[in-house]
């Protein structure tokens, strides 16, 4: 299962990279809403990693500096792979969300949720 998650997160990283490159190439003609949506997608990934690692989270709709987006995307990927390589997928993890004060589940459930973010966005 770890191999499948590695594959999904590599895909997610590469697709984010391609979208970022396209937006950068056409930046003068891109709607502000597009910048908000890609930032939101990148933030969602950062938030899940931060919750698992007990680190500071971005705001869900935080608008990051466009120059920082490629770096944040790479950091998200690196942190996710690090978590994946250094933990058992059956490990129980507790996190706090805005809606749930103490959500407890297996690490593989978090990875499944995180890996589906890109798929949901692509099919909208």
Protein backbone atom coordinates (compact mmCIF):
# COMPACT_ATOMS: atom_id res chain seq x y z
CA UNK A 1 0.00 0.00 0.00
CA UNK A 2 2.91 2.37 0.68
CA UNK A 3 4.00 1.95 -2.95
CA UNK A 4 0.56 3.03 -4.13
CA UNK A 5 0.62 6.09 -1.87
CA UNK A 6 4.12 6.95 -3.16
CA UNK A 7 2.75 6.76 -6.68
CA UNK A 8 -0.30 8.90 -5.88
CA UNK A 9 1.72 11.59 -4.13
CA UNK A 10 4.29 11.69 -6.93
CA UNK A 11 1.39 12.20 -9.34
CA UNK A 12 -0.10 14.91 -7.13
CA UNK A 13 3.25 16.71 -6.92
CA UNK A 14 3.81 16.56 -10.68
CA UNK A 15 0.28 17.72 -11.53
CA UNK A 16 0.58 20.63 -9.09
CA UNK A 17 3.91 21.49 -10.71
CA UNK A 18 2.39 21.48 -14.19
CA UNK A 19 -0.57 23.61 -13.10
CA UNK A 20 1.79 26.07 -11.39
CA UNK A 21 3.92 26.29 -14.56
CA UNK A 22 0.85 26.91 -16.75
CA UNK A 23 -0.47 29.59 -14.44
CA UNK A 24 2.96 31.23 -14.33
CA UNK A 25 3.19 31.26 -18.14
CA UNK A 26 -0.23 32.90 -18.43
CA UNK A 27 -0.15 34.94 -15.23
CA UNK A 28 -1.30 38.27 -16.72
CA UNK A 29 -4.49 36.67 -18.02
CA UNK A 30 -5.29 34.44 -15.03
CA UNK A 31 -8.24 35.24 -12.78
CA UNK A 32 -7.53 35.93 -9.10
CA UNK A 33 -9.89 33.03 -8.31
CA UNK A 34 -7.43 30.59 -9.94
CA UNK A 35 -4.65 31.79 -7.64
CA UNK A 36 -6.98 31.33 -4.66
CA UNK A 37 -7.92 27.79 -5.71
CA UNK A 38 -4.37 26.53 -6.31
CA UNK A 39 -3.26 28.13 -3.06
CA UNK A 40 -6.17 26.41 -1.30
CA UNK A 41 -5.14 23.05 -2.79
CA UNK A 42 -1.51 23.50 -1.73
CA UNK A 43 -2.66 24.67 1.73
CA UNK A 44 -4.88 21.60 2.21
CA UNK A 45 -1.88 19.35 1.65
CA UNK A 46 0.26 21.41 4.03
CA UNK A 47 -2.48 21.33 6.68
CA UNK A 48 -2.77 17.53 6.66
CA UNK A 49 1.01 17.15 6.92
CA UNK A 50 1.14 19.71 9.73
CA UNK A 51 -1.64 17.94 11.63
CA UNK A 52 0.14 14.61 11.39
CA UNK A 53 3.51 16.16 12.36
CA UNK A 54 1.99 18.45 15.02
CA UNK A 55 3.35 21.55 13.25
CA UNK A 56 1.89 24.98 12.57
CA UNK A 57 -0.82 24.94 9.91
CA UNK A 58 -1.52 27.36 7.09
CA UNK A 59 -4.96 28.93 6.91
CA UNK A 60 -7.28 27.01 4.62
CA UNK A 61 -7.80 30.03 2.33
CA UNK A 62 -4.44 31.66 3.09
CA UNK A 63 -3.19 33.31 -0.09
CA UNK A 64 0.49 32.47 -0.36
CA UNK A 65 2.97 34.53 -2.33
CA UNK A 66 2.98 33.13 -5.86
CA UNK A 67 6.79 32.92 -5.81
CA UNK A 68 6.55 30.55 -2.80
CA UNK A 69 3.97 28.15 -4.26
CA UNK A 70 6.47 25.86 -6.09
CA UNK A 71 8.57 25.58 -2.91
CA UNK A 72 5.54 24.84 -0.73
CA UNK A 73 4.43 22.18 -3.23
CA UNK A 74 7.87 20.53 -3.04
CA UNK A 75 7.94 20.76 0.76
CA UNK A 76 4.49 19.18 0.95
CA UNK A 77 5.61 16.28 -1.21
CA UNK A 78 8.87 15.79 0.73
CA UNK A 79 7.11 15.86 4.10
CA UNK A 80 4.43 13.43 2.96
CA UNK A 81 7.00 10.96 1.64
CA UNK A 82 9.00 11.32 4.85
CA UNK A 83 5.91 10.58 6.96
CA UNK A 84 5.07 7.65 4.70
CA UNK A 85 8.58 6.15 4.83
CA UNK A 86 9.08 6.57 8.56
CA UNK A 87 5.72 5.39 9.89
CA UNK A 88 3.57 2.30 9.85
CA UNK A 89 0.28 2.88 8.03
CA UNK A 90 -1.59 1.23 10.91
CA UNK A 91 -0.28 3.82 13.37
CA UNK A 92 -3.10 5.57 15.20
CA UNK A 93 -2.87 9.35 14.82
CA UNK A 94 -4.86 12.00 16.68
CA UNK A 95 -5.38 15.43 15.19
CA UNK A 96 -7.44 18.51 15.87
CA UNK A 97 -9.54 20.10 13.14
CA UNK A 98 -11.82 23.11 13.10
CA UNK A 99 -14.85 20.81 13.35
CA UNK A 100 -13.50 17.94 15.47
CA UNK A 101 -11.52 18.56 18.63
CA UNK A 102 -9.84 15.14 18.67
CA UNK A 103 -10.02 13.03 15.53
CA UNK A 104 -8.33 9.66 15.93
CA UNK A 105 -7.75 7.34 13.01
CA UNK A 106 -5.07 5.27 11.28
CA UNK A 107 -2.35 7.01 9.30
CA UNK A 108 -3.46 5.23 6.12
CA UNK A 109 -6.87 6.96 6.41
CA UNK A 110 -5.17 10.36 6.44
CA UNK A 111 -3.08 9.39 3.44
CA UNK A 112 -6.14 8.18 1.58
CA UNK A 113 -7.93 11.49 2.25
CA UNK A 114 -4.92 13.53 1.23
CA UNK A 115 -4.30 11.49 -1.92
CA UNK A 116 -7.87 12.00 -3.12
CA UNK A 117 -7.77 15.82 -2.94
CA UNK A 118 -6.19 16.06 -6.42
CA UNK A 119 -8.65 13.54 -7.88
CA UNK A 120 -11.65 15.46 -6.53
CA UNK A 121 -10.37 18.76 -7.89
CA UNK A 122 -9.67 17.31 -11.34
CA UNK A 123 -13.21 16.00 -11.68
CA UNK A 124 -14.98 19.27 -10.75
